[in-house]
Amino acid sequence: MNGFKALCNAGHLRVGTSVFEFDTPGIGHLLKSAGSEFVFLDMEHSGIGIDAMKRLLRYCEAANLPTVVRPPSRATHHIARVLDIGAGGLILPMMPNAEEARRIVNDMKYVPAGSRGVALGIAHDRYTTGAVTDKLAAANADTACVALIETAEGVNNVDEIAAVDGVDALWLGHFDLSCSLGIPGQFEHPDFVAATDRIVAAAKRQNKPLGRVVNTPDEGASFYRQGFSLICYSGDVWLLQAALSEGFAALKAACE
């Protein structure tokens, strides 16, 4: 059991971070020791391929750190491969409507809940033996589906998406949503604020947790008060850059 599905059911604040770059054996333990409760592993924008993701999942398993993976697309073959290498949950990009959400849930679940292809005794069940029906039922119960709402179409259909049985959480993709609305990066624009409010309201009505990436602790606290409970604090690339920039500036100032 990966554990991300349990976080979706927790109903209170969970904090994590994202990994876009660092395929290194210590990453899981490093993040866990820092207090991360989950990690968002990206394949859509990072260049991380299937082999590297398989390693990253093992590093996080070793640290008992729950993971959610964003695959390169919503295509069935991407969903199947990422689940089979052991992702505990998937965050599906550009979710447009409830029909697509139901199709994805079907792809993610084994019979009788869906039509996911079966391969057992491999990475996703940690190479163990056991009764087939028990393994299929456990995977169906433990695998989380997160709908990434980041288009105007997704916002227009967000209530129906949130109501789909098998969608465990919603996630706000702020950059792509602002672009889809025709206001790139204008997060204070009334249209963006209204879209965010619709997503928050849909999550509350369907009792689904809501997540997003934040850049600062204060920003995270603000979104938590709005109803976001899965708070992803920045990511490996940007946290390293910020720490080095601050440290170099302080070092130079101290040497003057």
C-alpha atoms as a PDB file:
ATOM      1  CA  MET A   1       0.000   0.000   0.000  1.00  0.00           C
ATOM      2  CA  ASN A   2       1.478   3.328  -1.089  1.00  0.00           C
ATOM      3  CA  GLY A   3      -0.542   5.502   1.276  1.00  0.00           C
ATOM      4  CA  PHE A   4      -1.548   8.445  -0.913  1.00  0.00           C
ATOM      5  CA  LYS A   5      -5.175   7.291  -1.069  1.00  0.00           C
ATOM      6  CA  ALA A   6      -5.273   7.379   2.733  1.00  0.00           C
ATOM      7  CA  LEU A   7      -4.099  10.992   2.657  1.00  0.00           C
ATOM      8  CA  CYS A   8      -6.958  11.832   0.314  1.00  0.00           C
ATOM      9  CA  ASN A   9      -9.360  10.447   2.895  1.00  0.00           C
ATOM     10  CA  ALA A  10      -7.747  12.159   5.862  1.00  0.00           C
ATOM     11  CA  GLY A  11      -9.761  15.387   5.672  1.00  0.00           C
ATOM     12  CA  HIS A  12      -7.077  17.633   7.108  1.00  0.00           C
ATOM     13  CA  LEU A  13      -3.877  19.381   6.071  1.00  0.00           C
ATOM     14  CA  ARG A  14      -1.213  17.290   4.359  1.00  0.00           C
ATOM     15  CA  VAL A  15       1.992  18.900   3.135  1.00  0.00           C
ATOM     16  CA  GLY A  16       4.374  17.645   0.495  1.00  0.00           C
ATOM     17  CA  THR A  17       6.649  18.786  -2.288  1.00  0.00           C
ATOM     18  CA  SER A  18       7.373  17.921  -5.901  1.00  0.00           C
ATOM     19  CA  VAL A  19      10.242  16.262  -7.737  1.00  0.00           C
ATOM     20  CA  PHE A  20      11.024  17.294 -11.299  1.00  0.00           C
ATOM     21  CA  GLU A  21      14.767  16.678 -11.476  1.00  0.00           C
ATOM     22  CA  PHE A  22      16.540  14.717  -8.756  1.00  0.00           C
ATOM     23  CA  ASP A  23      16.632  11.004  -9.539  1.00  0.00           C
ATOM     24  CA  THR A  24      18.890  10.144  -6.642  1.00  0.00           C
ATOM     25  CA  PRO A  25      18.737   7.263  -4.122  1.00  0.00           C
ATOM     26  CA  GLY A  26      18.489   9.504  -1.078  1.00  0.00           C
ATOM     27  CA  ILE A  27      15.604  11.656  -2.259  1.00  0.00           C
ATOM     28  CA  GLY A  28      12.854   9.746  -0.480  1.00  0.00           C
ATOM     29  CA  HIS A  29      14.592   9.713   2.897  1.00  0.00           C
ATOM     30  CA  LEU A  30      15.709  13.320   2.469  1.00  0.00           C
ATOM     31  CA  LEU A  31      12.160  14.547   1.859  1.00  0.00           C
ATOM     32  CA  LYS A  32      10.649  12.333   4.555  1.00  0.00           C
ATOM     33  CA  SER A  33      13.176  13.495   7.164  1.00  0.00           C
ATOM     34  CA  ALA A  34      12.338  17.103   6.300  1.00  0.00           C
ATOM     35  CA  GLY A  35       8.678  16.464   7.113  1.00  0.00           C
ATOM     36  CA  SER A  36       7.153  15.827   3.698  1.00  0.00           C
ATOM     37  CA  GLU A  37       3.988  13.740   3.968  1.00  0.00           C
ATOM     38  CA  PHE A  38       3.732  13.004   0.251  1.00  0.00           C
ATOM     39  CA  VAL A  39       5.629  13.717  -2.942  1.00  0.00           C
ATOM     40  CA  PHE A  40       4.310  14.770  -6.357  1.00  0.00           C
ATOM     41  CA  LEU A  41       6.498  13.081  -8.996  1.00  0.00           C
ATOM     42  CA  ASP A  42       6.239  14.675 -12.431  1.00  0.00           C
ATOM     43  CA  MET A  43       6.587  13.105 -15.863  1.00  0.00           C
ATOM     44  CA  GLU A  44       4.641  15.644 -17.927  1.00  0.00           C
ATOM     45  CA  HIS A  45       7.114  18.536 -17.789  1.00  0.00           C
ATOM     46  CA  SER A  46      10.247  17.070 -16.210  1.00  0.00           C
ATOM     47  CA  GLY A  47      11.759  14.781 -18.808  1.00  0.00           C
ATOM     48  CA  ILE A  48      11.695  11.944 -16.252  1.00  0.00           C
ATOM     49  CA  GLY A  49      11.106   8.708 -18.165  1.00  0.00           C
ATOM     50  CA  ILE A  50       9.629   5.400 -17.111  1.00  0.00           C
ATOM     51  CA  ASP A  51      12.926   3.874 -15.907  1.00  0.00           C
ATOM     52  CA  ALA A  52      13.803   6.888 -13.773  1.00  0.00           C
ATOM     53  CA  MET A  53      10.277   6.998 -12.367  1.00  0.00           C
ATOM     54  CA  LYS A  54      10.506   3.337 -11.414  1.00  0.00           C
ATOM     55  CA  ARG A  55      13.661   4.133  -9.442  1.00  0.00           C
ATOM     56  CA  LEU A  56      12.121   7.205  -7.814  1.00  0.00           C
ATOM     57  CA  LEU A  57       9.146   5.165  -6.655  1.00  0.00           C
ATOM     58  CA  ARG A  58      11.470   2.625  -5.025  1.00  0.00           C
ATOM     59  CA  TYR A  59      13.397   5.432  -3.285  1.00  0.00           C
ATOM     60  CA  CYS A  60      10.140   6.800  -1.875  1.00  0.00           C
ATOM     61  CA  GLU A  61       8.910   3.334  -0.894  1.00  0.00           C
ATOM     62  CA  ALA A  62      12.129   2.828   1.060  1.00  0.00           C
ATOM     63  CA  ALA A  63      11.323   5.965   3.049  1.00  0.00           C
ATOM     64  CA  ASN A  64       7.622   5.017   3.441  1.00  0.00           C
ATOM     65  CA  LEU A  65       6.737   8.236   1.639  1.00  0.00           C
ATOM     66  CA  PRO A  66       3.412   8.265  -0.283  1.00  0.00           C
ATOM     67  CA  THR A  67       3.588   9.312  -3.920  1.00  0.00           C
ATOM     68  CA  VAL A  68       1.303  10.675  -6.601  1.00  0.00           C
ATOM     69  CA  VAL A  69       2.619  10.669 -10.184  1.00  0.00           C
ATOM     70  CA  ARG A  70       1.636  12.942 -13.034  1.00  0.00           C
ATOM     71  CA  PRO A  71       2.082  10.827 -16.194  1.00  0.00           C
ATOM     72  CA  PRO A  72       3.003  12.362 -19.541  1.00  0.00           C
ATOM     73  CA  SER A  73      -0.647  12.297 -20.646  1.00  0.00           C
ATOM     74  CA  ARG A  74      -4.052  10.779 -19.963  1.00  0.00           C
ATOM     75  CA  ALA A  75      -3.433   8.050 -22.549  1.00  0.00           C
ATOM     76  CA  THR A  76      -4.284   4.518 -21.466  1.00  0.00           C
ATOM     77  CA  HIS A  77      -0.755   3.229 -22.073  1.00  0.00           C
ATOM     78  CA  HIS A  78       0.735   5.962 -19.867  1.00  0.00           C
ATOM     79  CA  ILE A  79      -1.769   5.222 -17.106  1.00  0.00           C
ATOM     80  CA  ALA A  80      -1.104   1.478 -17.277  1.00  0.00           C
ATOM     81  CA  ARG A  81       2.693   1.689 -17.263  1.00  0.00           C
ATOM     82  CA  VAL A  82       2.933   4.195 -14.424  1.00  0.00           C
ATOM     83  CA  LEU A  83       0.561   2.168 -12.254  1.00  0.00           C
ATOM     84  CA  ASP A  84       2.425  -1.050 -13.000  1.00  0.00           C
ATOM     85  CA  ILE A  85       5.742   0.416 -11.836  1.00  0.00           C
ATOM     86  CA  GLY A  86       4.137   1.217  -8.491  1.00  0.00           C
ATOM     87  CA  ALA A  87       2.558   4.664  -8.429  1.00  0.00           C
ATOM     88  CA  GLY A  88       0.123   4.890  -5.535  1.00  0.00           C
ATOM     89  CA  GLY A  89      -1.914   7.533  -7.288  1.00  0.00           C
ATOM     90  CA  LEU A  90      -2.077   9.419 -10.540  1.00  0.00           C
ATOM     91  CA  ILE A  91      -2.720  13.102 -11.112  1.00  0.00           C
ATOM     92  CA  LEU A  92      -4.203  13.351 -14.594  1.00  0.00           C
ATOM     93  CA  PRO A  93      -3.480  16.538 -16.563  1.00  0.00           C
ATOM     94  CA  MET A  94      -6.016  18.723 -18.372  1.00  0.00           C
ATOM     95  CA  MET A  95      -9.081  16.829 -17.094  1.00  0.00           C
ATOM     96  CA  PRO A  96     -11.861  18.118 -19.371  1.00  0.00           C
ATOM     97  CA  ASN A  97     -15.122  16.498 -18.286  1.00  0.00           C
ATOM     98  CA  ALA A  98     -16.831  13.715 -16.359  1.00  0.00           C
ATOM     99  CA  GLU A  99     -16.883  11.334 -19.326  1.00  0.00           C
ATOM    100  CA  GLU A 100     -13.096  11.441 -19.536  1.00  0.00           C
ATOM    101  CA  ALA A 101     -12.811  11.094 -15.758  1.00  0.00           C
ATOM    102  CA  ARG A 102     -14.930   7.934 -15.857  1.00  0.00           C
ATOM    103  CA  ARG A 103     -12.815   6.553 -18.709  1.00  0.00           C
ATOM    104  CA  ILE A 104      -9.655   7.144 -16.674  1.00  0.00           C
ATOM    105  CA  VAL A 105     -11.085   5.526 -13.547  1.00  0.00           C
ATOM    106  CA  ASN A 106     -11.979   2.520 -15.708  1.00  0.00           C
ATOM    107  CA  ASP A 107      -8.374   2.379 -16.976  1.00  0.00           C
ATOM    108  CA  MET A 108      -7.021   2.598 -13.436  1.00  0.00           C
ATOM    109  CA  LYS A 109      -9.188  -0.087 -11.829  1.00  0.00           C
ATOM    110  CA  TYR A 110      -9.105  -3.842 -12.191  1.00  0.00           C
ATOM    111  CA  VAL A 111     -12.250  -5.923 -12.695  1.00  0.00           C
ATOM    112  CA  PRO A 112     -14.990  -5.647 -11.583  1.00  0.00           C
ATOM    113  CA  ALA A 113     -14.491  -1.864 -11.194  1.00  0.00           C
ATOM    114  CA  GLY A 114     -12.642  -1.333 -14.483  1.00  0.00           C
ATOM    115  CA  SER A 115     -10.595  -2.862 -17.259  1.00  0.00           C
ATOM    116  CA  ARG A 116      -6.975  -2.350 -16.171  1.00  0.00           C
ATOM    117  CA  GLY A 117      -4.698  -4.981 -17.653  1.00  0.00           C
ATOM    118  CA  VAL A 118      -3.399  -7.488 -15.112  1.00  0.00           C
ATOM    119  CA  ALA A 119       0.234  -8.266 -14.372  1.00  0.00           C
ATOM    120  CA  LEU A 120       0.991  -9.479 -10.862  1.00  0.00           C
ATOM    121  CA  GLY A 121       4.157 -10.187  -8.919  1.00  0.00           C
ATOM    122  CA  ILE A 122       5.839  -7.091 -10.364  1.00  0.00           C
ATOM    123  CA  ALA A 123       6.699  -3.638  -9.036  1.00  0.00           C
ATOM    124  CA  HIS A 124       3.203  -2.402  -8.184  1.00  0.00           C
ATOM    125  CA  ASP A 125       2.552  -5.264  -5.717  1.00  0.00           C
ATOM    126  CA  ARG A 126       6.190  -5.333  -4.597  1.00  0.00           C
ATOM    127  CA  TYR A 127       6.936  -8.624  -6.345  1.00  0.00           C
ATOM    128  CA  THR A 128       4.842 -10.628  -3.890  1.00  0.00           C
ATOM    129  CA  THR A 129       2.705 -13.707  -4.357  1.00  0.00           C
ATOM    130  CA  GLY A 130      -0.906 -14.023  -3.266  1.00  0.00           C
ATOM    131  CA  ALA A 131      -4.471 -14.696  -4.294  1.00  0.00           C
ATOM    132  CA  VAL A 132      -5.396 -12.920  -7.511  1.00  0.00           C
ATOM    133  CA  THR A 133      -8.750 -11.638  -6.297  1.00  0.00           C
ATOM    134  CA  ASP A 134      -7.179 -10.263  -3.123  1.00  0.00           C
ATOM    135  CA  LYS A 135      -4.508  -8.427  -5.079  1.00  0.00           C
ATOM    136  CA  LEU A 136      -6.998  -6.895  -7.504  1.00  0.00           C
ATOM    137  CA  ALA A 137      -9.270  -5.766  -4.691  1.00  0.00           C
ATOM    138  CA  ALA A 138      -6.373  -4.257  -2.739  1.00  0.00           C
ATOM    139  CA  ALA A 139      -5.127  -2.326  -5.756  1.00  0.00           C
ATOM    140  CA  ASN A 140      -8.613  -1.004  -6.502  1.00  0.00           C
ATOM    141  CA  ALA A 141      -8.989   0.148  -2.908  1.00  0.00           C
ATOM    142  CA  ASP A 142      -5.550   1.750  -2.618  1.00  0.00           C
ATOM    143  CA  THR A 143      -5.015   3.467  -5.988  1.00  0.00           C
ATOM    144  CA  ALA A 144      -5.928   7.167  -6.042  1.00  0.00           C
ATOM    145  CA  CYS A 145      -7.192   9.181  -9.007  1.00  0.00           C
ATOM    146  CA  VAL A 146      -6.609  12.940  -8.837  1.00  0.00           C
ATOM    147  CA  ALA A 147      -8.231  15.184 -11.459  1.00  0.00           C
ATOM    148  CA  LEU A 148      -6.093  18.151 -12.461  1.00  0.00           C
ATOM    149  CA  ILE A 149      -8.394  21.059 -13.259  1.00  0.00           C
ATOM    150  CA  GLU A 150      -6.399  23.449 -15.409  1.00  0.00           C
ATOM    151  CA  THR A 151      -8.567  24.434 -18.367  1.00  0.00           C
ATOM    152  CA  ALA A 152     -11.680  26.539 -18.850  1.00  0.00           C
ATOM    153  CA  GLU A 153     -13.491  23.382 -19.975  1.00  0.00           C
ATOM    154  CA  GLY A 154     -12.465  21.596 -16.797  1.00  0.00           C
ATOM    155  CA  VAL A 155     -13.745  24.464 -14.661  1.00  0.00           C
ATOM    156  CA  ASN A 156     -17.066  24.492 -16.525  1.00  0.00           C
ATOM    157  CA  ASN A 157     -17.452  20.763 -15.824  1.00  0.00           C
ATOM    158  CA  VAL A 158     -15.822  20.633 -12.403  1.00  0.00           C
ATOM    159  CA  ASP A 159     -18.966  19.710 -10.461  1.00  0.00           C
ATOM    160  CA  GLU A 160     -19.576  16.686 -12.688  1.00  0.00           C
ATOM    161  CA  ILE A 161     -15.894  15.686 -12.553  1.00  0.00           C
ATOM    162  CA  ALA A 162     -15.831  15.894  -8.760  1.00  0.00           C
ATOM    163  CA  ALA A 163     -18.948  13.730  -8.548  1.00  0.00           C
ATOM    164  CA  VAL A 164     -17.433  10.822 -10.509  1.00  0.00           C
ATOM    165  CA  ASP A 165     -17.093   7.716  -8.372  1.00  0.00           C
ATOM    166  CA  GLY A 166     -13.389   6.903  -8.257  1.00  0.00           C
ATOM    167  CA  VAL A 167     -12.130  10.481  -8.504  1.00  0.00           C
ATOM    168  CA  ASP A 168     -10.500  10.851  -5.091  1.00  0.00           C
ATOM    169  CA  ALA A 169      -9.313  14.474  -5.201  1.00  0.00           C
ATOM    170  CA  LEU A 170      -9.179  17.599  -7.333  1.00  0.00           C
ATOM    171  CA  TRP A 171      -6.026  19.589  -8.055  1.00  0.00           C
ATOM    172  CA  LEU A 172      -5.814  23.174  -9.311  1.00  0.00           C
ATOM    173  CA  GLY A 173      -3.267  23.727 -12.078  1.00  0.00           C
ATOM    174  CA  HIS A 174      -2.893  27.472 -11.763  1.00  0.00           C
ATOM    175  CA  PHE A 175      -0.499  28.319 -14.604  1.00  0.00           C
ATOM    176  CA  ASP A 176      -2.300  26.358 -17.300  1.00  0.00           C
ATOM    177  CA  LEU A 177      -5.673  27.507 -16.043  1.00  0.00           C
ATOM    178  CA  SER A 178      -4.660  31.156 -16.269  1.00  0.00           C
ATOM    179  CA  CYS A 179      -3.467  30.552 -19.843  1.00  0.00           C
ATOM    180  CA  SER A 180      -6.652  28.715 -20.767  1.00  0.00           C
ATOM    181  CA  LEU A 181      -8.651  31.671 -19.469  1.00  0.00           C
ATOM    182  CA  GLY A 182      -6.601  34.053 -21.622  1.00  0.00           C
ATOM    183  CA  ILE A 183      -4.933  35.766 -18.664  1.00  0.00           C
ATOM    184  CA  PRO A 184      -1.485  34.113 -18.373  1.00  0.00           C
ATOM    185  CA  GLY A 185      -0.053  34.453 -14.875  1.00  0.00           C
ATOM    186  CA  GLN A 186      -2.751  36.890 -13.727  1.00  0.00           C
ATOM    187  CA  PHE A 187      -3.772  35.032 -10.595  1.00  0.00           C
ATOM    188  CA  GLU A 188      -5.546  38.046  -9.077  1.00  0.00           C
ATOM    189  CA  HIS A 189      -7.693  38.561 -12.177  1.00  0.00           C
ATOM    190  CA  PRO A 190     -11.449  38.303 -11.430  1.00  0.00           C
ATOM    191  CA  ASP A 191     -11.844  35.493 -13.977  1.00  0.00           C
ATOM    192  CA  PHE A 192      -9.136  33.413 -12.324  1.00  0.00           C
ATOM    193  CA  VAL A 193     -10.505  34.089  -8.854  1.00  0.00           C
ATOM    194  CA  ALA A 194     -14.002  33.086 -10.007  1.00  0.00           C
ATOM    195  CA  ALA A 195     -12.648  29.877 -11.566  1.00  0.00           C
ATOM    196  CA  THR A 196     -10.800  29.016  -8.352  1.00  0.00           C
ATOM    197  CA  ASP A 197     -13.957  29.620  -6.336  1.00  0.00           C
ATOM    198  CA  ARG A 198     -15.882  27.208  -8.595  1.00  0.00           C
ATOM    199  CA  ILE A 199     -13.250  24.501  -8.088  1.00  0.00           C
ATOM    200  CA  VAL A 200     -13.224  24.991  -4.315  1.00  0.00           C
ATOM    201  CA  ALA A 201     -17.015  24.894  -4.166  1.00  0.00           C
ATOM    202  CA  ALA A 202     -17.185  21.690  -6.226  1.00  0.00           C
ATOM    203  CA  ALA A 203     -14.648  19.956  -3.997  1.00  0.00           C
ATOM    204  CA  LYS A 204     -16.590  20.945  -0.897  1.00  0.00           C
ATOM    205  CA  ARG A 205     -19.935  19.817  -2.330  1.00  0.00           C
ATOM    206  CA  GLN A 206     -18.541  16.393  -3.206  1.00  0.00           C
ATOM    207  CA  ASN A 207     -16.402  16.142  -0.058  1.00  0.00           C
ATOM    208  CA  LYS A 208     -13.251  15.676  -2.123  1.00  0.00           C
ATOM    209  CA  PRO A 209      -9.872  17.023  -0.972  1.00  0.00           C
ATOM    210  CA  LEU A 210      -8.327  19.769  -3.059  1.00  0.00           C
ATOM    211  CA  GLY A 211      -4.651  20.338  -3.789  1.00  0.00           C
ATOM    212  CA  ARG A 212      -2.272  22.715  -5.520  1.00  0.00           C
ATOM    213  CA  VAL A 213       1.366  23.769  -5.660  1.00  0.00           C
ATOM    214  CA  VAL A 214       2.402  26.832  -3.645  1.00  0.00           C
ATOM    215  CA  ASN A 215       5.595  28.863  -3.671  1.00  0.00           C
ATOM    216  CA  THR A 216       5.753  30.018  -0.047  1.00  0.00           C
ATOM    217  CA  PRO A 217       4.469  28.897   3.354  1.00  0.00           C
ATOM    218  CA  ASP A 218       2.298  32.023   3.610  1.00  0.00           C
ATOM    219  CA  GLU A 219       0.741  31.267   0.241  1.00  0.00           C
ATOM    220  CA  GLY A 220       0.074  27.705   1.363  1.00  0.00           C
ATOM    221  CA  ALA A 221      -1.603  28.892   4.560  1.00  0.00           C
ATOM    222  CA  SER A 222      -3.805  31.247   2.559  1.00  0.00           C
ATOM    223  CA  PHE A 223      -4.956  28.460   0.252  1.00  0.00           C
ATOM    224  CA  TYR A 224      -5.495  26.117   3.196  1.00  0.00           C
ATOM    225  CA  ARG A 225      -7.917  28.646   4.645  1.00  0.00           C
ATOM    226  CA  GLN A 226      -9.723  28.669   1.276  1.00  0.00           C
ATOM    227  CA  GLY A 227     -10.252  24.915   1.407  1.00  0.00           C
ATOM    228  CA  PHE A 228      -7.079  23.358  -0.046  1.00  0.00           C
ATOM    229  CA  SER A 229      -5.810  20.505   2.135  1.00  0.00           C
ATOM    230  CA  LEU A 230      -3.163  18.856  -0.083  1.00  0.00           C
ATOM    231  CA  ILE A 231      -0.496  21.561  -0.125  1.00  0.00           C
ATOM    232  CA  CYS A 232       2.504  20.879  -2.359  1.00  0.00           C
ATOM    233  CA  TYR A 233       5.274  23.247  -1.323  1.00  0.00           C
ATOM    234  CA  SER A 234       7.392  24.105  -4.369  1.00  0.00           C
ATOM    235  CA  GLY A 235       9.781  21.474  -5.712  1.00  0.00           C
ATOM    236  CA  ASP A 236      13.338  20.205  -5.842  1.00  0.00           C
ATOM    237  CA  VAL A 237      14.614  22.563  -8.561  1.00  0.00           C
ATOM    238  CA  TRP A 238      13.168  25.761  -7.119  1.00  0.00           C
ATOM    239  CA  LEU A 239      13.916  25.017  -3.475  1.00  0.00           C
ATOM    240  CA  LEU A 240      17.580  24.382  -4.265  1.00  0.00           C
ATOM    241  CA  GLN A 241      17.783  27.551  -6.356  1.00  0.00           C
ATOM    242  CA  ALA A 242      16.145  29.625  -3.618  1.00  0.00           C
ATOM    243  CA  ALA A 243      18.372  28.224  -0.876  1.00  0.00           C
ATOM    244  CA  LEU A 244      21.540  28.777  -2.909  1.00  0.00           C
ATOM    245  CA  SER A 245      20.525  32.293  -3.951  1.00  0.00           C
ATOM    246  CA  GLU A 246      19.823  33.261  -0.358  1.00  0.00           C
ATOM    247  CA  GLY A 247      22.988  31.628   0.903  1.00  0.00           C
ATOM    248  CA  PHE A 248      25.271  33.129  -1.734  1.00  0.00           C
ATOM    249  CA  ALA A 249      23.832  36.600  -1.173  1.00  0.00           C
ATOM    250  CA  ALA A 250      24.303  36.303   2.580  1.00  0.00           C
ATOM    251  CA  LEU A 251      27.850  34.965   2.179  1.00  0.00           C
ATOM    252  CA  LYS A 252      28.846  37.803  -0.130  1.00  0.00           C
ATOM    253  CA  ALA A 253      27.297  40.380   2.186  1.00  0.00           C
ATOM    254  CA  ALA A 254      29.127  38.913   5.182  1.00  0.00           C
ATOM    255  CA  CYS A 255      32.459  39.089   3.308  1.00  0.00           C
ATOM    256  CA  GLU A 256      32.187  42.739   2.336  1.00  0.00           C
END
